[in-house]
Protein backbone atom coordinates (compact mmCIF):
# COMPACT_ATOMS: atom_id res chain seq x y z
CA UNK A 1 84.09 161.88 -25.52
CA UNK A 2 82.15 163.93 -28.06
CA UNK A 3 83.05 164.52 -31.67
CA UNK A 4 81.23 165.84 -34.71
CA UNK A 5 81.18 163.69 -37.83
CA UNK A 6 79.55 164.03 -41.25
CA UNK A 7 77.05 161.70 -42.89
CA UNK A 8 78.08 161.33 -46.55
CA UNK A 9 75.69 161.24 -49.50
CA UNK A 10 75.42 157.45 -49.19
CA UNK A 11 74.44 157.64 -45.50
CA UNK A 12 77.83 156.48 -44.23
CA UNK A 13 79.72 157.91 -41.30
CA UNK A 14 83.43 157.75 -40.63
CA UNK A 15 84.47 156.72 -37.13
CA UNK A 16 87.64 158.56 -36.08
CA UNK A 17 90.77 156.43 -35.71
CA UNK A 18 90.99 157.04 -31.95
CA UNK A 19 87.47 155.70 -31.42
CA UNK A 20 88.17 152.65 -33.61
CA UNK A 21 91.32 151.95 -31.59
CA UNK A 22 89.58 152.41 -28.24
CA UNK A 23 86.86 149.95 -29.26
CA UNK A 24 89.20 147.52 -31.01
CA UNK A 25 87.41 147.91 -34.34
CA UNK A 26 88.99 146.73 -37.55
CA UNK A 27 87.81 146.01 -41.08
CA UNK A 28 84.51 144.09 -41.10
CA UNK A 29 83.98 144.52 -37.34
CA UNK A 30 80.38 144.03 -36.31
CA UNK A 31 78.46 146.88 -34.69
CA UNK A 32 74.99 146.90 -33.14
CA UNK A 33 72.94 150.01 -33.93
CA UNK A 34 70.07 151.37 -31.88
CA UNK A 35 68.00 154.55 -31.96
CA UNK A 36 66.84 156.25 -28.78
CA UNK A 37 65.00 159.58 -29.05
CA UNK A 38 67.40 161.75 -31.07
CA UNK A 39 70.46 159.51 -30.56
CA UNK A 40 72.05 156.81 -32.65
CA UNK A 41 73.86 154.34 -30.41
CA UNK A 42 76.57 152.08 -31.83
CA UNK A 43 77.90 149.16 -29.81
CA UNK A 44 80.74 146.84 -30.68
CA UNK A 45 79.62 143.24 -31.12
CA UNK A 46 82.08 140.55 -30.15
CA UNK A 47 82.15 137.88 -32.82
CA UNK A 48 81.98 134.29 -31.64
CA UNK A 49 84.83 133.67 -34.09
CA UNK A 50 87.02 136.16 -32.18
CA UNK A 51 86.44 134.25 -28.96
CA UNK A 52 87.45 130.99 -30.60
CA UNK A 53 90.65 132.14 -32.28
CA UNK A 54 93.44 129.68 -31.67
CA UNK A 55 91.28 127.10 -29.95
CA UNK A 56 92.27 124.40 -32.46
CA UNK A 57 96.03 124.82 -32.16
CA UNK A 58 97.95 121.72 -31.22
CA UNK A 59 97.36 121.69 -27.50
CA UNK A 60 95.27 119.95 -24.93
CA UNK A 61 91.75 121.17 -25.58
CA UNK A 62 89.06 120.90 -22.93
CA UNK A 63 85.99 121.13 -25.17
CA UNK A 64 83.52 121.16 -22.29
CA UNK A 65 85.33 124.05 -20.59
CA UNK A 66 85.48 126.02 -23.85
CA UNK A 67 81.75 125.50 -24.45
CA UNK A 68 81.08 126.78 -20.92
CA UNK A 69 83.13 129.91 -21.68
CA UNK A 70 81.19 130.54 -24.89
CA UNK A 71 77.86 130.04 -23.10
CA UNK A 72 78.97 132.46 -20.35
CA UNK A 73 79.50 135.11 -23.04
CA UNK A 74 75.84 134.75 -23.98
CA UNK A 75 76.21 132.77 -27.20
CA UNK A 76 73.75 129.92 -27.71
CA UNK A 77 75.52 126.59 -27.95
CA UNK A 78 73.62 123.37 -28.55
């Protein structure tokens, strides 16, 4: 998918709504930015908070299993 966007006078770019929806981006979503040759590459960053949503609801919680899931996603857990 290719689209042309404008960089405003403050250096900001607007991501089209379709792209935000496809990537699941909302307000304050984290993005990783990288530069390669003449390209700017943006990647969605999954927040560790997103992965933990609802984990403290009243339910049986297997803490060890949840920590294993978080570690498997590449987040450091001590």
